[in-house]
Protein backbone atom coordinates (compact mmCIF):
# COMPACT_ATOMS: atom_id res chain seq x y z
CA MET A 1 52.44 28.77 0.56
CA LYS A 2 51.59 32.49 0.50
CA ILE A 3 49.12 31.65 -2.22
CA LEU A 4 46.63 30.79 0.55
CA ASP A 5 46.58 34.46 1.51
CA ASN A 6 45.58 35.42 -2.03
CA GLU A 7 41.80 35.24 -1.65
CA LYS A 8 41.16 36.33 -5.24
CA TYR A 9 43.21 33.40 -6.52
CA ILE A 10 41.40 30.99 -4.21
CA TYR A 11 37.97 32.08 -5.45
CA LYS A 12 39.09 31.76 -9.08
CA HIS A 13 40.65 28.33 -8.58
CA ASN A 14 37.49 26.23 -9.12
CA ALA A 15 36.91 26.69 -5.41
CA SER A 16 34.04 29.18 -5.45
CA LYS A 17 31.36 26.46 -5.72
CA LEU A 18 32.65 24.58 -2.68
CA ILE A 19 33.19 27.80 -0.74
CA ASP A 20 29.56 28.79 -1.36
CA ILE A 21 28.43 25.37 -0.10
CA LEU A 22 30.60 25.72 3.01
CA LEU A 23 29.31 29.22 3.74
CA ASN A 24 25.72 27.96 3.51
CA PHE A 25 26.42 24.66 5.27
CA PRO A 26 25.22 25.75 8.75
CA SER A 27 21.71 26.33 7.38
CA GLN A 28 21.33 22.65 6.40
CA PHE A 29 20.22 21.61 9.88
CA LYS A 30 17.08 23.72 10.27
CA ASN A 31 16.31 23.30 6.56
CA ALA A 32 16.38 19.53 6.98
CA GLU A 33 14.18 19.68 10.06
CA GLN A 34 11.67 21.79 8.13
CA ILE A 35 11.69 19.29 5.25
CA PHE A 36 10.88 16.48 7.67
CA ARG A 37 8.06 18.39 9.35
CA GLU A 38 6.48 19.36 6.02
CA THR A 39 6.80 15.81 4.64
CA ARG A 40 5.25 14.39 7.80
CA LEU A 41 2.26 16.72 7.46
CA LYS A 42 1.71 15.63 3.85
CA ASP A 43 2.32 11.90 4.35
CA ASP A 44 0.61 10.17 7.28
CA ARG A 45 2.82 7.13 6.73
CA LEU A 46 5.62 9.08 8.45
CA LYS A 47 3.67 8.85 11.71
CA LEU A 48 5.65 5.74 12.43
CA LYS A 49 4.93 2.95 14.89
CA SER A 50 7.13 2.55 17.95
CA ASN A 51 7.40 -1.24 18.23
CA TYR A 52 10.28 -1.92 15.84
CA LYS A 53 12.70 -4.53 17.16
CA ASN A 54 15.71 -3.23 15.24
CA ALA A 55 16.69 -0.88 12.41
CA ILE A 56 18.96 -0.92 9.39
CA VAL A 57 20.34 1.91 7.26
CA LEU A 58 21.07 1.09 3.62
CA GLY A 59 23.85 3.26 2.22
CA ILE A 60 27.44 3.54 1.09
CA GLY A 61 29.97 6.35 0.79
CA ASN A 62 29.15 9.97 1.49
CA PRO A 63 27.06 11.21 3.15
CA SER A 64 25.42 8.04 4.50
CA THR A 65 28.47 6.35 6.07
CA VAL A 66 29.57 9.44 8.01
CA ALA A 67 25.99 10.17 9.12
CA PHE A 68 25.59 6.64 10.46
CA LYS A 69 28.96 6.67 12.24
CA LEU A 70 27.93 9.90 13.95
CA LEU A 71 24.57 8.44 14.97
CA LEU A 72 26.32 5.64 16.85
CA SER A 73 29.28 7.60 18.23
CA ALA A 74 27.49 10.66 19.67
CA ASP A 75 26.93 10.12 23.40
CA ILE A 76 23.81 12.31 23.43
CA ASN A 77 22.05 9.82 21.11
CA GLN A 78 20.29 7.19 23.21
CA LEU A 79 19.02 4.37 21.00
CA LYS A 80 16.50 1.88 22.40
CA ILE A 81 17.03 -0.69 19.63
CA PRO A 82 20.06 -2.03 17.75
CA VAL A 83 20.76 -0.14 14.51
CA SER A 84 22.99 -1.59 11.77
CA PHE A 85 24.47 -0.31 8.53
CA CYS A 86 24.41 -2.22 5.24
CA SER A 87 26.68 -1.07 2.40
CA THR A 88 26.11 -4.03 0.07
CA SER A 89 23.07 -5.62 -1.54
CA GLU A 90 23.43 -8.62 0.78
CA ILE A 91 20.60 -8.11 3.28
CA PRO A 92 21.16 -9.54 6.78
CA SER A 93 18.95 -12.55 7.53
CA TRP A 94 17.46 -10.91 10.64
CA VAL A 95 15.72 -8.13 8.67
CA ASP A 96 11.94 -8.59 8.69
CA LYS A 97 8.68 -6.61 8.97
CA ASN A 98 9.65 -5.58 12.49
CA THR A 99 12.76 -3.82 11.18
CA LEU A 100 12.80 -0.07 10.56
CA ILE A 101 14.46 0.23 7.14
CA ILE A 102 16.02 3.51 6.00
CA ALA A 103 17.53 3.82 2.50
CA LEU A 104 19.95 6.74 2.28
CA SER A 105 21.38 7.84 -1.07
CA HIS A 106 22.21 11.41 -2.06
CA SER A 107 22.03 10.83 -5.81
CA GLY A 108 19.28 8.25 -5.56
CA ASN A 109 21.26 6.18 -8.05
CA THR A 110 23.52 4.18 -5.74
CA ILE A 111 23.47 0.66 -7.18
CA GLU A 112 23.89 -1.19 -3.88
CA VAL A 113 21.05 0.77 -2.27
CA LEU A 114 18.71 0.32 -5.23
CA GLU A 115 19.33 -3.44 -5.33
CA SER A 116 18.62 -3.70 -1.60
CA VAL A 117 15.44 -1.66 -1.96
CA ASP A 118 14.22 -3.93 -4.77
CA LYS A 119 14.84 -7.06 -2.68
CA LEU A 120 13.10 -5.68 0.38
CA THR A 121 10.07 -4.22 -1.40
CA SER A 122 9.57 -7.54 -3.20
CA LEU A 123 9.07 -9.02 0.28
CA GLY A 124 6.49 -6.37 1.10
CA TYR A 125 8.66 -4.49 3.59
CA GLN A 126 8.21 -0.76 4.15
CA ILE A 127 11.21 1.49 3.45
CA ILE A 128 11.87 5.14 4.25
CA ALA A 129 13.92 6.66 1.43
CA ILE A 130 16.04 9.73 2.21
CA THR A 131 17.42 11.09 -1.06
CA GLY A 132 18.04 14.02 -3.34
CA GLY A 133 16.17 12.32 -6.21
CA GLY A 134 17.25 9.87 -8.92
CA ARG A 135 15.99 6.30 -9.28
CA LEU A 136 15.26 6.00 -5.58
CA LYS A 137 12.78 8.85 -5.83
CA GLU A 138 11.22 7.23 -8.90
CA LYS A 139 10.86 3.93 -7.07
CA ALA A 140 9.16 5.73 -4.17
CA GLN A 141 6.69 7.29 -6.57
CA GLU A 142 5.96 3.87 -8.08
CA ASN A 143 5.77 1.79 -4.88
CA LYS A 144 3.45 2.55 -1.96
CA ASN A 145 5.78 0.70 0.41
CA ILE A 146 8.48 3.35 -0.03
CA ILE A 147 8.06 6.59 1.93
CA LEU A 148 9.97 9.45 0.28
CA ILE A 149 11.81 12.21 2.15
CA GLU A 150 13.46 14.37 -0.48
CA TYR A 151 16.04 17.08 0.19
CA HIS A 152 17.96 19.46 -2.06
CA LYS A 153 20.13 17.65 -4.60
CA ASP A 154 22.15 20.67 -5.75
CA LEU A 155 25.03 19.77 -3.45
CA LEU A 156 28.15 17.67 -3.72
CA PRO A 157 27.25 14.32 -2.09
CA ARG A 158 29.95 14.66 0.56
CA MET A 159 28.59 18.09 1.51
CA ALA A 160 25.03 16.86 2.19
CA ILE A 161 25.99 15.40 5.57
CA GLY A 162 23.80 17.89 7.47
CA TYR A 163 20.66 16.83 5.58
CA ALA A 164 21.48 13.13 5.81
CA TYR A 165 22.16 13.18 9.54
CA VAL A 166 19.21 15.35 10.58
CA LEU A 167 16.67 13.42 8.50
CA MET A 168 17.93 10.06 9.76
CA VAL A 169 17.74 11.28 13.37
CA GLU A 170 14.27 12.76 12.83
CA VAL A 171 12.98 9.43 11.47
CA LEU A 172 14.37 7.47 14.42
CA SER A 173 13.08 10.06 16.86
CA GLU A 174 9.62 9.90 15.31
CA THR A 175 9.40 6.24 16.29
CA GLY A 176 10.32 7.09 19.87
CA LEU A 177 13.24 4.67 19.59
CA LEU A 178 15.86 7.42 19.69
CA ARG A 179 16.10 9.98 22.44
CA VAL A 180 18.53 12.85 22.10
CA GLU A 181 19.80 13.71 25.56
CA GLY A 182 18.34 16.95 26.86
CA PHE A 183 15.24 16.90 24.64
CA SER A 184 11.96 15.10 25.24
CA ARG A 185 10.07 13.56 22.34
CA ASN A 186 7.49 16.33 22.31
CA MET A 187 10.01 19.15 22.10
CA PRO A 188 10.98 20.48 18.66
CA PHE A 189 14.40 19.41 17.47
CA GLY A 190 14.81 22.95 16.13
CA LEU A 191 16.40 24.04 19.40
CA TYR A 192 18.99 21.33 19.04
CA TRP A 193 19.84 22.17 15.46
CA ASN A 194 20.14 25.84 16.40
CA ASP A 195 23.13 24.91 18.56
CA VAL A 196 24.87 23.31 15.60
CA GLU A 197 24.04 26.16 13.24
CA ASN A 198 25.18 28.87 15.65
CA GLU A 199 28.51 27.21 16.49
CA LEU A 200 29.30 26.43 12.86
CA SER A 201 28.37 29.96 11.76
CA ASN A 202 30.78 31.39 14.32
CA PHE A 203 33.48 28.86 13.38
CA THR A 204 33.12 29.81 9.70
CA LYS A 205 34.36 33.31 10.47
CA GLU A 206 37.72 31.82 11.50
CA LEU A 207 38.21 29.68 8.38
CA THR A 208 37.24 31.68 5.27
CA PRO A 209 39.74 32.74 2.56
CA GLU A 210 39.67 36.31 3.89
CA VAL A 211 41.27 35.19 7.18
CA PRO A 212 45.10 35.21 6.80
CA ILE A 213 47.29 32.17 7.41
CA ASN A 214 48.56 33.30 10.81
CA SER A 215 44.96 33.45 12.13
CA ASN A 216 43.44 30.58 10.13
CA ILE A 217 43.87 27.08 11.58
CA ALA A 218 42.59 25.40 8.40
CA LYS A 219 45.23 27.12 6.26
CA LYS A 220 47.99 26.36 8.79
CA ILE A 221 47.14 22.65 8.87
CA ALA A 222 46.86 22.47 5.06
CA ILE A 223 50.38 23.88 4.76
CA ASN A 224 51.68 21.25 7.19
CA LEU A 225 49.97 18.48 5.20
CA PHE A 226 51.25 19.59 1.80
CA GLU A 227 53.30 16.86 0.09
CA LYS A 228 52.71 14.48 3.01
CA ILE A 229 50.45 11.43 3.36
CA PRO A 230 48.17 12.13 6.33
CA VAL A 231 47.44 9.37 8.84
CA ILE A 232 44.57 10.44 11.08
CA TYR A 233 43.98 8.91 14.49
CA GLY A 234 40.78 9.36 16.47
CA CYS A 235 41.08 9.02 20.24
CA SER A 236 37.44 8.40 21.23
CA LYS A 237 34.18 7.34 19.58
CA ILE A 238 33.32 10.83 18.39
CA THR A 239 36.84 11.78 17.28
CA GLY A 240 37.07 8.44 15.47
CA THR A 241 34.10 9.51 13.37
CA VAL A 242 35.77 12.87 12.75
CA ALA A 243 39.01 11.11 11.77
CA TYR A 244 37.07 9.10 9.18
CA ARG A 245 35.61 12.32 7.76
CA PHE A 246 39.10 13.84 7.54
CA LYS A 247 40.24 10.83 5.52
CA THR A 248 37.34 10.95 3.07
CA GLN A 249 37.66 14.71 2.52
CA PHE A 250 41.41 14.58 1.93
CA CYS A 251 40.84 11.89 -0.70
CA THR A 252 37.84 13.41 -2.50
CA VAL A 253 38.58 17.14 -2.23
CA ALA A 254 42.39 17.36 -2.18
CA LYS A 255 42.94 14.20 -4.28
CA THR A 256 45.55 12.87 -1.88
CA LEU A 257 45.79 9.45 -0.23
CA ALA A 258 44.97 9.36 3.47
CA HIS A 259 44.48 6.75 6.17
CA PHE A 260 42.54 6.72 9.43
CA ASN A 261 42.30 4.54 12.53
CA VAL A 262 41.21 4.80 16.15
CA LEU A 263 43.03 4.40 19.47
CA PRO A 264 43.54 2.02 21.21
CA ASP A 265 43.20 -0.27 18.15
CA VAL A 266 46.31 1.29 16.60
CA ASN A 267 48.54 -0.03 19.36
CA HIS A 268 47.57 -3.66 18.82
CA ASP A 269 48.93 -3.91 15.28
CA GLU A 270 49.34 -0.74 13.24
CA ILE A 271 51.92 0.89 15.51
CA THR A 272 54.53 -1.64 14.36
CA GLY A 273 54.12 -0.34 10.82
CA TRP A 274 55.93 2.82 11.88
CA GLU A 275 59.14 0.78 11.95
CA VAL A 276 59.08 1.37 8.19
CA ILE A 277 62.44 2.42 6.73
CA PRO A 278 63.45 6.05 7.49
CA GLU A 279 63.31 7.04 3.82
CA LEU A 280 59.54 6.43 3.83
CA ARG A 281 58.76 7.90 7.26
CA LYS A 282 59.42 11.42 6.02
CA ASP A 283 56.49 11.09 3.60
CA PHE A 284 53.90 10.81 6.39
CA ILE A 285 52.30 13.13 8.91
CA VAL A 286 50.13 11.95 11.80
CA LEU A 287 47.07 13.89 12.95
CA PHE A 288 45.69 13.12 16.41
CA ILE A 289 42.05 14.25 16.74
CA THR A 290 41.45 14.83 20.46
CA GLU A 291 38.80 16.19 22.83
CA ASP A 292 38.41 16.77 26.57
CA ASN A 293 36.44 13.57 27.23
CA ILE A 294 39.24 11.12 26.49
CA ASP A 295 40.00 8.16 28.72
CA MET A 296 43.10 8.71 30.88
CA LYS A 297 44.76 5.58 29.46
CA ILE A 298 44.28 6.95 25.94
CA LYS A 299 45.81 10.28 26.98
CA LYS A 300 48.87 8.46 28.28
CA THR A 301 49.00 6.40 25.10
CA ILE A 302 48.99 9.56 22.98
CA ASP A 303 51.94 10.91 24.99
CA LEU A 304 53.82 7.65 24.46
CA MET A 305 53.10 7.76 20.73
CA HIS A 306 54.36 11.35 20.57
CA GLY A 307 57.66 10.06 21.94
CA ILE A 308 57.80 7.18 19.47
CA PHE A 309 57.22 9.53 16.53
CA LEU A 310 59.81 12.03 17.77
CA GLU A 311 62.39 9.23 18.03
CA ARG A 312 61.68 8.24 14.42
CA ASN A 313 61.47 11.78 13.01
CA ILE A 314 57.82 11.32 12.06
CA LYS A 315 55.94 14.59 12.01
CA TYR A 316 52.68 14.83 13.97
CA LEU A 317 50.02 17.39 14.87
CA GLU A 318 47.21 17.39 17.42
CA ILE A 319 43.79 18.87 16.62
CA HIS A 320 41.70 19.45 19.73
CA LEU A 321 37.92 19.77 19.34
CA GLU A 322 35.69 21.69 21.76
CA ALA A 323 31.90 22.25 21.65
CA THR A 324 28.72 22.24 23.74
CA ASN A 325 27.94 18.57 22.98
CA SER A 326 29.27 15.63 21.00
CA VAL A 327 27.21 16.25 17.85
CA VAL A 328 28.24 19.90 17.61
CA LYS A 329 31.83 18.80 18.28
CA ALA A 330 31.67 16.28 15.43
CA PHE A 331 30.26 18.77 12.95
CA LYS A 332 32.93 21.33 13.90
CA GLY A 333 35.48 18.61 13.17
CA PHE A 334 33.77 17.76 9.86
CA PHE A 335 33.70 21.44 8.96
CA LEU A 336 37.39 21.91 9.76
CA ALA A 337 38.21 18.89 7.58
CA ASP A 338 36.24 20.46 4.73
CA TRP A 339 38.14 23.75 4.87
CA ILE A 340 41.55 22.09 5.29
CA SER A 341 40.82 19.90 2.25
CA LEU A 342 39.76 22.94 0.23
CA TYR A 343 43.01 24.78 0.96
CA LEU A 344 45.03 21.63 0.32
CA SER A 345 43.38 21.36 -3.12
CA ILE A 346 44.63 24.89 -3.84
CA LEU A 347 48.19 23.92 -2.89
CA TYR A 348 47.99 20.78 -5.06
CA ASN A 349 46.38 22.75 -7.90
CA VAL A 350 43.49 20.28 -8.28
CA ASP A 351 39.75 20.77 -8.73
CA PRO A 352 38.08 20.26 -5.32
CA ASN A 353 34.71 19.52 -6.93
CA GLU A 354 35.40 16.81 -9.50
CA ILE A 355 35.53 13.12 -8.63
CA THR A 356 36.61 11.68 -11.98
CA LEU A 357 37.69 8.23 -10.80
CA ILE A 358 34.56 7.72 -8.68
CA ASP A 359 32.35 8.68 -11.62
CA LYS A 360 34.33 6.44 -13.98
CA ILE A 361 33.83 3.39 -11.74
CA LYS A 362 30.13 4.16 -11.20
CA ASN A 363 29.49 4.63 -14.91
CA ARG A 364 31.26 1.40 -15.84
CA LEU A 365 29.39 -0.56 -13.17
CA THR A 366 26.10 0.89 -14.41
CA LEU A 367 27.00 -0.13 -17.96
CA LEU A 368 27.90 -3.64 -16.84
CA GLU A 369 24.59 -3.91 -14.99
CA LYS A 370 22.66 -2.86 -18.10
CA ASN A 371 24.56 -5.37 -20.23
CA ASN A 372 23.80 -8.16 -17.74
CA ARG A 373 20.08 -7.36 -17.90
CA SER A 374 19.96 -7.43 -21.70
């Protein structure tokens, strides 16, 4: 495990690209805000009406799913209308011209999103497209009913979460249908994003390859996870979103299977799964993602689960998140998951950047779609 204290090896191990992205990650928030402001000045269509009855976000995978989960789970986000998420091309029947429609795709080539956009534009509905380019950008340039907000594409999709979240929040705020607690509609969101940037910048100093194992929480946790299957449990709305991010990063960056769930749901079915035979229990490790604002019943439940796992020789860890507000707390959790996954990829000797199986499935689906059209 001492390899994690060899920073030269880490930088040479296909990790330098992801490390650069992580070091620059805190700047995404103000950059995204600036992109929105500049786009709004150029395109009057972004001066949106405020009488939408509901909203829907079209997206799948990273970064759209995590961004949407955070939108709903952060207690400082006060939505005045129901907002739903659609990850298939099957559009809910309630969507109409009074629905605010946001299409979110990093690559701009997500099949499910493109199919949904085609269906909705054929009905004359207006769509706001948040993307790094691709076919979604092309469609926006061809169709006046699609408003384009384009951000930098030179990122791994899973690492564009800052852009995706900020731009989605800015759109909803522009309508007046989302109020972020502590900020009036007329105040610049830049103050808010400064909080995130500052806390993440400070947190970065504790997680980089130069920080030795004994002072680096990300390296310590990665060592504990090595050769184990992580099961991540969130203990509140916001930590549930963080737990989901942990799962996706372990899978995509470290190339290891992972599972997530949220308390108290776990105790109504999944907990019985831990009766699994002792030979298999040793292969798992449980991560509890906690925070200060956890319901007292949940705190007691966590203590009870600790006892159950100790009785069954199942290893567990608790990761406690602290920050000035729920959004900053979530992004600190996301960021920690990113660094842990990076170090875990070093231990597993895998490329943290490549997503071979994802690309293989996407390419084959695209080929099938082309064949069906011809």
